[in-house]
N, C-alpha and C. Protein backbone atom coordinates (compact mmCIF):
# COMPACT_ATOMS: atom_id res chain seq x y z
N MET A 1 -27.12 5.88 39.78
CA MET A 1 -26.45 7.17 39.85
C MET A 1 -27.29 8.08 40.73
N ARG A 2 -26.61 8.91 41.42
CA ARG A 2 -27.27 9.85 42.33
C ARG A 2 -26.75 11.25 41.99
N THR A 3 -27.68 12.21 41.91
CA THR A 3 -27.28 13.57 41.58
C THR A 3 -27.90 14.58 42.54
N VAL A 4 -27.20 15.68 42.68
CA VAL A 4 -27.73 16.89 43.29
C VAL A 4 -27.60 17.95 42.21
N ILE A 5 -28.73 18.53 41.83
CA ILE A 5 -28.78 19.49 40.73
C ILE A 5 -29.17 20.85 41.30
N GLN A 6 -28.36 21.85 41.02
CA GLN A 6 -28.63 23.19 41.53
C GLN A 6 -28.72 24.18 40.37
N ARG A 7 -29.81 24.96 40.38
CA ARG A 7 -29.91 26.05 39.41
C ARG A 7 -28.99 27.16 39.90
N VAL A 8 -28.10 27.63 39.02
CA VAL A 8 -27.10 28.60 39.44
C VAL A 8 -27.09 29.83 38.54
N SER A 9 -26.69 30.95 39.13
CA SER A 9 -26.43 32.16 38.34
C SER A 9 -25.06 32.06 37.70
N HIS A 10 -24.13 31.39 38.41
CA HIS A 10 -22.81 31.07 37.87
C HIS A 10 -22.19 29.99 38.75
N ALA A 11 -21.25 29.25 38.17
CA ALA A 11 -20.54 28.21 38.91
C ALA A 11 -19.19 27.98 38.25
N SER A 12 -18.23 27.53 39.06
CA SER A 12 -16.91 27.22 38.51
C SER A 12 -16.25 26.14 39.36
N VAL A 13 -15.26 25.49 38.78
CA VAL A 13 -14.46 24.51 39.49
C VAL A 13 -12.99 24.85 39.27
N THR A 14 -12.26 24.91 40.38
CA THR A 14 -10.84 25.26 40.36
C THR A 14 -10.03 24.09 40.90
N ILE A 15 -8.94 23.76 40.20
CA ILE A 15 -8.05 22.67 40.60
C ILE A 15 -6.64 23.23 40.64
N ASN A 16 -5.99 23.08 41.79
CA ASN A 16 -4.63 23.59 41.97
C ASN A 16 -4.50 25.07 41.58
N GLY A 17 -5.50 25.86 41.96
CA GLY A 17 -5.46 27.29 41.71
C GLY A 17 -5.83 27.73 40.30
N VAL A 18 -6.18 26.77 39.44
CA VAL A 18 -6.51 27.08 38.05
C VAL A 18 -7.98 26.73 37.80
N VAL A 19 -8.73 27.68 37.22
CA VAL A 19 -10.13 27.41 36.89
C VAL A 19 -10.18 26.42 35.73
N LYS A 20 -10.77 25.25 36.00
CA LYS A 20 -10.89 24.20 34.97
C LYS A 20 -12.10 24.46 34.09
N SER A 21 -13.24 24.81 34.71
CA SER A 21 -14.48 25.08 33.97
C SER A 21 -15.28 26.13 34.72
N ALA A 22 -16.01 26.92 33.95
CA ALA A 22 -16.89 27.93 34.55
C ALA A 22 -18.11 28.11 33.65
N ILE A 23 -19.27 28.34 34.26
CA ILE A 23 -20.48 28.60 33.50
C ILE A 23 -21.17 29.84 34.07
N GLY A 24 -22.01 30.43 33.23
CA GLY A 24 -22.91 31.48 33.69
C GLY A 24 -24.16 30.80 34.21
N GLY A 25 -25.32 31.32 33.85
CA GLY A 25 -26.58 30.73 34.31
C GLY A 25 -26.79 29.33 33.77
N GLY A 26 -27.30 28.46 34.64
CA GLY A 26 -27.55 27.08 34.21
C GLY A 26 -27.69 26.15 35.38
N LEU A 27 -27.11 24.96 35.23
CA LEU A 27 -27.21 23.92 36.24
C LEU A 27 -25.83 23.42 36.65
N LEU A 28 -25.64 23.29 37.95
CA LEU A 28 -24.48 22.59 38.50
C LEU A 28 -24.99 21.21 38.88
N VAL A 29 -24.35 20.17 38.34
CA VAL A 29 -24.78 18.80 38.60
C VAL A 29 -23.65 18.06 39.31
N LEU A 30 -23.90 17.68 40.56
CA LEU A 30 -22.98 16.81 41.30
C LEU A 30 -23.46 15.40 41.06
N VAL A 31 -22.56 14.50 40.66
CA VAL A 31 -22.98 13.14 40.30
C VAL A 31 -22.11 12.10 41.00
N GLY A 32 -22.79 11.11 41.59
CA GLY A 32 -22.12 9.97 42.21
C GLY A 32 -22.50 8.70 41.48
N VAL A 33 -21.54 7.78 41.37
CA VAL A 33 -21.73 6.52 40.64
C VAL A 33 -21.56 5.36 41.59
N GLU A 34 -22.44 4.34 41.43
CA GLU A 34 -22.29 3.10 42.20
C GLU A 34 -22.14 1.94 41.22
N ASP A 35 -21.67 0.79 41.72
CA ASP A 35 -21.40 -0.37 40.86
C ASP A 35 -22.60 -0.83 40.05
N ALA A 36 -23.80 -0.68 40.58
CA ALA A 36 -25.00 -1.17 39.91
C ALA A 36 -25.46 -0.28 38.76
N ASP A 37 -24.81 0.86 38.54
CA ASP A 37 -25.25 1.78 37.50
C ASP A 37 -24.95 1.24 36.11
N THR A 38 -25.84 1.60 35.16
CA THR A 38 -25.74 1.11 33.79
C THR A 38 -25.95 2.26 32.80
N GLU A 39 -25.80 1.93 31.52
CA GLU A 39 -26.06 2.91 30.47
C GLU A 39 -27.52 3.37 30.52
N GLU A 40 -28.41 2.49 30.90
CA GLU A 40 -29.83 2.85 31.02
C GLU A 40 -30.02 3.97 32.07
N ASP A 41 -29.27 3.88 33.18
CA ASP A 41 -29.33 4.93 34.19
C ASP A 41 -28.86 6.27 33.63
N ILE A 42 -27.80 6.22 32.85
CA ILE A 42 -27.25 7.44 32.24
C ILE A 42 -28.28 8.07 31.31
N GLN A 43 -28.88 7.25 30.44
CA GLN A 43 -29.87 7.76 29.50
C GLN A 43 -31.06 8.40 30.22
N TRP A 44 -31.57 7.71 31.23
CA TRP A 44 -32.72 8.22 31.98
C TRP A 44 -32.39 9.55 32.66
N LEU A 45 -31.23 9.58 33.32
CA LEU A 45 -30.83 10.76 34.07
C LEU A 45 -30.58 11.97 33.15
N CYS A 46 -29.92 11.76 32.04
CA CYS A 46 -29.67 12.85 31.11
C CYS A 46 -30.97 13.43 30.57
N LYS A 47 -31.89 12.56 30.22
CA LYS A 47 -33.20 13.02 29.73
C LYS A 47 -33.93 13.83 30.79
N LYS A 48 -33.90 13.36 32.04
CA LYS A 48 -34.57 14.07 33.13
C LYS A 48 -33.92 15.42 33.40
N ILE A 49 -32.61 15.47 33.44
CA ILE A 49 -31.90 16.72 33.74
C ILE A 49 -32.19 17.77 32.67
N VAL A 50 -32.05 17.41 31.41
CA VAL A 50 -32.27 18.36 30.33
C VAL A 50 -33.75 18.78 30.26
N GLY A 51 -34.64 17.91 30.69
CA GLY A 51 -36.07 18.22 30.64
C GLY A 51 -36.61 18.94 31.86
N LEU A 52 -35.80 19.05 32.92
CA LEU A 52 -36.29 19.70 34.16
C LEU A 52 -36.74 21.13 33.88
N ARG A 53 -37.96 21.42 34.21
CA ARG A 53 -38.50 22.77 34.00
C ARG A 53 -38.32 23.57 35.30
N VAL A 54 -37.13 24.12 35.45
CA VAL A 54 -36.79 24.87 36.67
C VAL A 54 -36.35 26.31 36.38
N PHE A 55 -36.54 26.74 35.15
CA PHE A 55 -36.19 28.11 34.77
C PHE A 55 -37.47 28.89 34.49
N ASP A 56 -37.45 30.16 34.88
CA ASP A 56 -38.64 31.00 34.77
C ASP A 56 -38.99 31.35 33.33
N ASP A 57 -40.30 31.33 33.05
CA ASP A 57 -40.79 31.85 31.79
C ASP A 57 -41.05 33.34 31.94
N LYS A 58 -41.66 33.97 30.95
CA LYS A 58 -41.87 35.43 31.00
C LYS A 58 -42.81 35.85 32.12
N ASN A 59 -43.57 34.90 32.68
CA ASN A 59 -44.49 35.20 33.77
C ASN A 59 -43.90 34.88 35.14
N GLY A 60 -42.62 34.52 35.17
CA GLY A 60 -41.97 34.20 36.44
C GLY A 60 -42.32 32.83 36.99
N VAL A 61 -42.83 31.95 36.13
CA VAL A 61 -43.20 30.59 36.53
C VAL A 61 -42.11 29.63 36.03
N MET A 62 -41.68 28.70 36.89
CA MET A 62 -40.67 27.72 36.47
C MET A 62 -41.29 26.78 35.44
N ASN A 63 -41.09 27.13 34.17
CA ASN A 63 -41.75 26.41 33.09
C ASN A 63 -40.81 26.10 31.94
N LYS A 64 -39.54 26.55 32.04
CA LYS A 64 -38.57 26.32 30.97
C LYS A 64 -37.51 25.33 31.43
N ASN A 65 -37.02 24.53 30.47
CA ASN A 65 -35.90 23.63 30.77
C ASN A 65 -34.59 24.33 30.39
N ILE A 66 -33.50 23.67 30.60
CA ILE A 66 -32.17 24.24 30.37
C ILE A 66 -31.95 24.64 28.91
N VAL A 67 -32.49 23.87 27.98
CA VAL A 67 -32.36 24.18 26.56
C VAL A 67 -33.15 25.44 26.24
N ASP A 68 -34.42 25.49 26.70
CA ASP A 68 -35.26 26.67 26.47
C ASP A 68 -34.62 27.93 27.06
N ALA A 69 -33.98 27.78 28.21
CA ALA A 69 -33.38 28.92 28.90
C ALA A 69 -32.02 29.31 28.31
N GLY A 70 -31.45 28.45 27.46
CA GLY A 70 -30.14 28.73 26.86
C GLY A 70 -29.01 28.65 27.86
N GLY A 71 -29.20 27.86 28.93
CA GLY A 71 -28.20 27.76 29.98
C GLY A 71 -27.11 26.74 29.71
N ASP A 72 -26.15 26.73 30.61
CA ASP A 72 -25.02 25.80 30.54
C ASP A 72 -25.09 24.81 31.70
N ILE A 73 -24.30 23.76 31.61
CA ILE A 73 -24.23 22.75 32.66
C ILE A 73 -22.78 22.51 33.04
N LEU A 74 -22.55 22.44 34.35
CA LEU A 74 -21.24 22.07 34.90
C LEU A 74 -21.45 20.79 35.69
N VAL A 75 -20.69 19.73 35.37
CA VAL A 75 -20.82 18.42 36.01
C VAL A 75 -19.58 18.14 36.85
N ILE A 76 -19.81 17.79 38.11
CA ILE A 76 -18.72 17.48 39.03
C ILE A 76 -18.94 16.09 39.61
N SER A 77 -17.93 15.23 39.52
CA SER A 77 -18.03 13.90 40.13
C SER A 77 -17.94 14.05 41.65
N GLN A 78 -18.78 13.30 42.37
CA GLN A 78 -18.78 13.41 43.82
C GLN A 78 -19.21 12.08 44.45
N PHE A 79 -18.21 11.25 44.77
CA PHE A 79 -18.49 9.95 45.34
C PHE A 79 -19.16 10.05 46.71
N THR A 80 -19.01 11.18 47.39
CA THR A 80 -19.58 11.33 48.73
C THR A 80 -21.11 11.34 48.72
N LEU A 81 -21.72 11.43 47.53
CA LEU A 81 -23.19 11.34 47.46
C LEU A 81 -23.68 9.96 47.90
N PHE A 82 -22.79 8.98 47.92
CA PHE A 82 -23.16 7.64 48.38
C PHE A 82 -22.69 7.37 49.81
N ALA A 83 -22.48 8.41 50.57
CA ALA A 83 -22.06 8.24 51.96
C ALA A 83 -23.16 7.56 52.77
N SER A 84 -22.75 6.61 53.59
CA SER A 84 -23.67 5.98 54.55
C SER A 84 -23.28 6.48 55.93
N THR A 85 -24.26 6.97 56.66
CA THR A 85 -24.00 7.51 58.00
C THR A 85 -24.75 6.73 59.06
N LYS A 86 -25.08 5.47 58.75
CA LYS A 86 -25.87 4.65 59.68
C LYS A 86 -25.13 4.33 60.97
N LYS A 87 -23.83 4.07 60.87
CA LYS A 87 -23.04 3.70 62.06
C LYS A 87 -21.99 4.76 62.34
N GLY A 88 -21.93 5.19 63.56
CA GLY A 88 -20.87 6.12 63.98
C GLY A 88 -20.97 7.48 63.31
N ASN A 89 -19.87 8.21 63.38
CA ASN A 89 -19.83 9.56 62.83
C ASN A 89 -18.94 9.70 61.61
N ARG A 90 -18.26 8.61 61.24
CA ARG A 90 -17.41 8.65 60.05
C ARG A 90 -18.17 7.99 58.91
N PRO A 91 -18.50 8.74 57.86
CA PRO A 91 -19.26 8.17 56.75
C PRO A 91 -18.51 7.02 56.07
N SER A 92 -19.29 6.05 55.61
CA SER A 92 -18.74 4.95 54.83
C SER A 92 -19.12 5.19 53.37
N TYR A 93 -18.18 4.92 52.47
CA TYR A 93 -18.43 5.14 51.04
C TYR A 93 -18.43 3.81 50.28
N ILE A 94 -18.81 2.75 50.95
CA ILE A 94 -18.76 1.40 50.40
C ILE A 94 -19.61 1.25 49.13
N ARG A 95 -20.70 2.02 49.02
CA ARG A 95 -21.58 1.92 47.84
C ARG A 95 -21.03 2.67 46.63
N ALA A 96 -20.12 3.58 46.83
CA ALA A 96 -19.56 4.33 45.71
C ALA A 96 -18.68 3.41 44.87
N ALA A 97 -18.83 3.49 43.56
CA ALA A 97 -18.05 2.65 42.66
C ALA A 97 -16.58 3.05 42.69
N LYS A 98 -15.73 2.08 42.51
CA LYS A 98 -14.29 2.32 42.41
C LYS A 98 -13.99 2.98 41.06
N PRO A 99 -12.85 3.64 40.94
CA PRO A 99 -12.53 4.37 39.70
C PRO A 99 -12.63 3.56 38.41
N ASP A 100 -12.28 2.28 38.43
CA ASP A 100 -12.34 1.50 37.19
C ASP A 100 -13.76 1.37 36.65
N VAL A 101 -14.75 1.49 37.51
CA VAL A 101 -16.16 1.47 37.10
C VAL A 101 -16.69 2.89 36.94
N SER A 102 -16.38 3.75 37.89
CA SER A 102 -17.00 5.08 37.92
C SER A 102 -16.46 6.04 36.85
N ILE A 103 -15.19 5.98 36.54
CA ILE A 103 -14.64 6.91 35.55
C ILE A 103 -15.30 6.74 34.18
N PRO A 104 -15.37 5.52 33.63
CA PRO A 104 -16.03 5.38 32.32
C PRO A 104 -17.51 5.79 32.35
N LEU A 105 -18.21 5.48 33.44
CA LEU A 105 -19.62 5.87 33.53
C LEU A 105 -19.77 7.38 33.66
N TYR A 106 -18.91 8.02 34.44
CA TYR A 106 -18.92 9.47 34.58
C TYR A 106 -18.65 10.13 33.22
N GLU A 107 -17.65 9.65 32.51
CA GLU A 107 -17.32 10.22 31.20
C GLU A 107 -18.46 10.03 30.20
N GLN A 108 -19.07 8.86 30.23
CA GLN A 108 -20.21 8.60 29.35
C GLN A 108 -21.39 9.50 29.71
N PHE A 109 -21.62 9.70 31.02
CA PHE A 109 -22.68 10.59 31.48
C PHE A 109 -22.44 12.00 30.93
N CYS A 110 -21.23 12.51 31.05
CA CYS A 110 -20.91 13.85 30.56
C CYS A 110 -21.11 13.95 29.06
N ASN A 111 -20.68 12.92 28.31
CA ASN A 111 -20.86 12.92 26.86
C ASN A 111 -22.33 12.91 26.48
N GLU A 112 -23.11 12.05 27.11
CA GLU A 112 -24.54 11.95 26.81
C GLU A 112 -25.27 13.24 27.19
N LEU A 113 -24.87 13.85 28.29
CA LEU A 113 -25.49 15.10 28.71
C LEU A 113 -25.16 16.22 27.72
N SER A 114 -23.94 16.23 27.19
CA SER A 114 -23.56 17.21 26.17
C SER A 114 -24.42 17.05 24.92
N ILE A 115 -24.64 15.82 24.52
CA ILE A 115 -25.47 15.55 23.34
C ILE A 115 -26.90 16.02 23.59
N ALA A 116 -27.44 15.68 24.75
CA ALA A 116 -28.82 16.07 25.08
C ALA A 116 -28.96 17.58 25.17
N LEU A 117 -27.94 18.27 25.67
CA LEU A 117 -27.96 19.72 25.82
C LEU A 117 -27.72 20.42 24.48
N GLY A 118 -26.99 19.75 23.60
CA GLY A 118 -26.68 20.35 22.29
C GLY A 118 -25.43 21.19 22.29
N LYS A 119 -24.65 21.10 23.37
CA LYS A 119 -23.37 21.81 23.46
C LYS A 119 -22.54 21.17 24.57
N PRO A 120 -21.24 21.44 24.59
CA PRO A 120 -20.40 20.81 25.62
C PRO A 120 -20.81 21.23 27.03
N VAL A 121 -20.64 20.30 27.97
CA VAL A 121 -20.83 20.62 29.38
C VAL A 121 -19.45 20.83 30.00
N GLY A 122 -19.40 21.69 31.01
CA GLY A 122 -18.16 21.87 31.74
C GLY A 122 -17.99 20.71 32.71
N THR A 123 -16.75 20.40 33.06
CA THR A 123 -16.49 19.30 33.99
C THR A 123 -15.37 19.68 34.94
N GLY A 124 -15.30 18.91 35.99
CA GLY A 124 -14.15 18.98 36.89
C GLY A 124 -13.15 17.95 36.41
N GLU A 125 -12.39 17.41 37.35
CA GLU A 125 -11.41 16.36 37.03
C GLU A 125 -11.63 15.23 38.02
N PHE A 126 -11.95 14.08 37.52
CA PHE A 126 -12.28 12.95 38.37
C PHE A 126 -11.15 12.68 39.37
N GLY A 127 -11.49 12.60 40.64
CA GLY A 127 -10.53 12.27 41.68
C GLY A 127 -9.67 13.42 42.17
N ALA A 128 -9.78 14.59 41.55
CA ALA A 128 -8.95 15.74 41.95
C ALA A 128 -9.55 16.42 43.18
N ASP A 129 -8.71 17.18 43.87
CA ASP A 129 -9.18 18.04 44.95
C ASP A 129 -9.72 19.29 44.28
N MET A 130 -11.03 19.39 44.19
CA MET A 130 -11.67 20.48 43.46
C MET A 130 -12.29 21.49 44.42
N LYS A 131 -12.21 22.74 44.04
CA LYS A 131 -12.87 23.83 44.75
C LYS A 131 -14.02 24.30 43.85
N VAL A 132 -15.22 24.05 44.30
CA VAL A 132 -16.40 24.39 43.51
C VAL A 132 -17.05 25.63 44.09
N GLU A 133 -17.23 26.62 43.26
CA GLU A 133 -17.92 27.85 43.67
C GLU A 133 -19.21 27.96 42.88
N LEU A 134 -20.27 28.45 43.55
CA LEU A 134 -21.54 28.62 42.88
C LEU A 134 -22.38 29.67 43.57
N LEU A 135 -23.26 30.24 42.80
CA LEU A 135 -24.29 31.11 43.35
C LEU A 135 -25.60 30.44 43.02
N ASN A 136 -26.20 29.79 44.03
CA ASN A 136 -27.45 29.07 43.83
C ASN A 136 -28.53 30.09 43.54
N ASP A 137 -29.28 29.88 42.48
CA ASP A 137 -30.31 30.80 42.04
C ASP A 137 -31.68 30.29 42.47
N GLY A 138 -32.29 30.96 43.39
CA GLY A 138 -33.64 30.59 43.86
C GLY A 138 -33.78 30.60 45.36
N PRO A 139 -33.20 29.71 46.08
CA PRO A 139 -32.40 28.56 45.62
C PRO A 139 -33.28 27.45 45.05
N VAL A 140 -32.75 26.80 44.04
CA VAL A 140 -33.40 25.62 43.46
C VAL A 140 -32.39 24.48 43.54
N THR A 141 -32.71 23.45 44.30
CA THR A 141 -31.85 22.28 44.45
C THR A 141 -32.72 21.03 44.38
N ILE A 142 -32.36 20.11 43.47
CA ILE A 142 -33.15 18.90 43.26
C ILE A 142 -32.22 17.69 43.33
N CYS A 143 -32.66 16.67 44.08
CA CYS A 143 -31.90 15.42 44.17
C CYS A 143 -32.59 14.36 43.33
N MET A 144 -31.80 13.59 42.59
CA MET A 144 -32.34 12.49 41.78
C MET A 144 -31.46 11.26 41.97
N ASP A 145 -32.12 10.12 42.03
CA ASP A 145 -31.42 8.84 42.15
C ASP A 145 -32.06 7.90 41.13
N THR A 146 -31.24 7.30 40.27
CA THR A 146 -31.80 6.43 39.24
C THR A 146 -32.42 5.17 39.82
N LYS A 147 -32.16 4.87 41.06
CA LYS A 147 -32.78 3.70 41.69
C LYS A 147 -34.19 4.03 42.20
N ASN A 148 -34.60 5.29 42.08
CA ASN A 148 -35.95 5.72 42.48
C ASN A 148 -36.69 6.30 41.28
N LYS A 149 -36.64 5.61 40.15
CA LYS A 149 -37.25 6.11 38.92
C LYS A 149 -38.77 6.16 38.98
N GLU A 150 -39.34 5.28 39.75
CA GLU A 150 -40.80 5.19 39.75
C GLU A 150 -41.42 5.77 40.97
């Protein structure tokens, strides 16, 4: 699994003109799934995301995680995170898992992240044309790939 995690002041996802999910301060997590991903990847990634110390403490030092900060999480599926741009100018998405693999893993990821956070996470809609709005706070943007755990 591959993620782009952004600390946000607020974020929302709109589908067909209707806001599906919105959060105040917290994390926007874009997540891509590939065929090789497993439940172990989900567990590792959820633990890392919830444990990321990217929120300021009383001294203005990034020392708090999302739970300590009382923030929310919005998760958006994004197969384009597995784009290959090695040949030509049109990206290839051959590494991105097909829906029969990616949907159950995405849903499991969202469920596990909700459990780790201790409250529901907001989501988009898998495969929909989504309009994502955010105000990046910092900016703080972190990329994680479960294939680079070590």
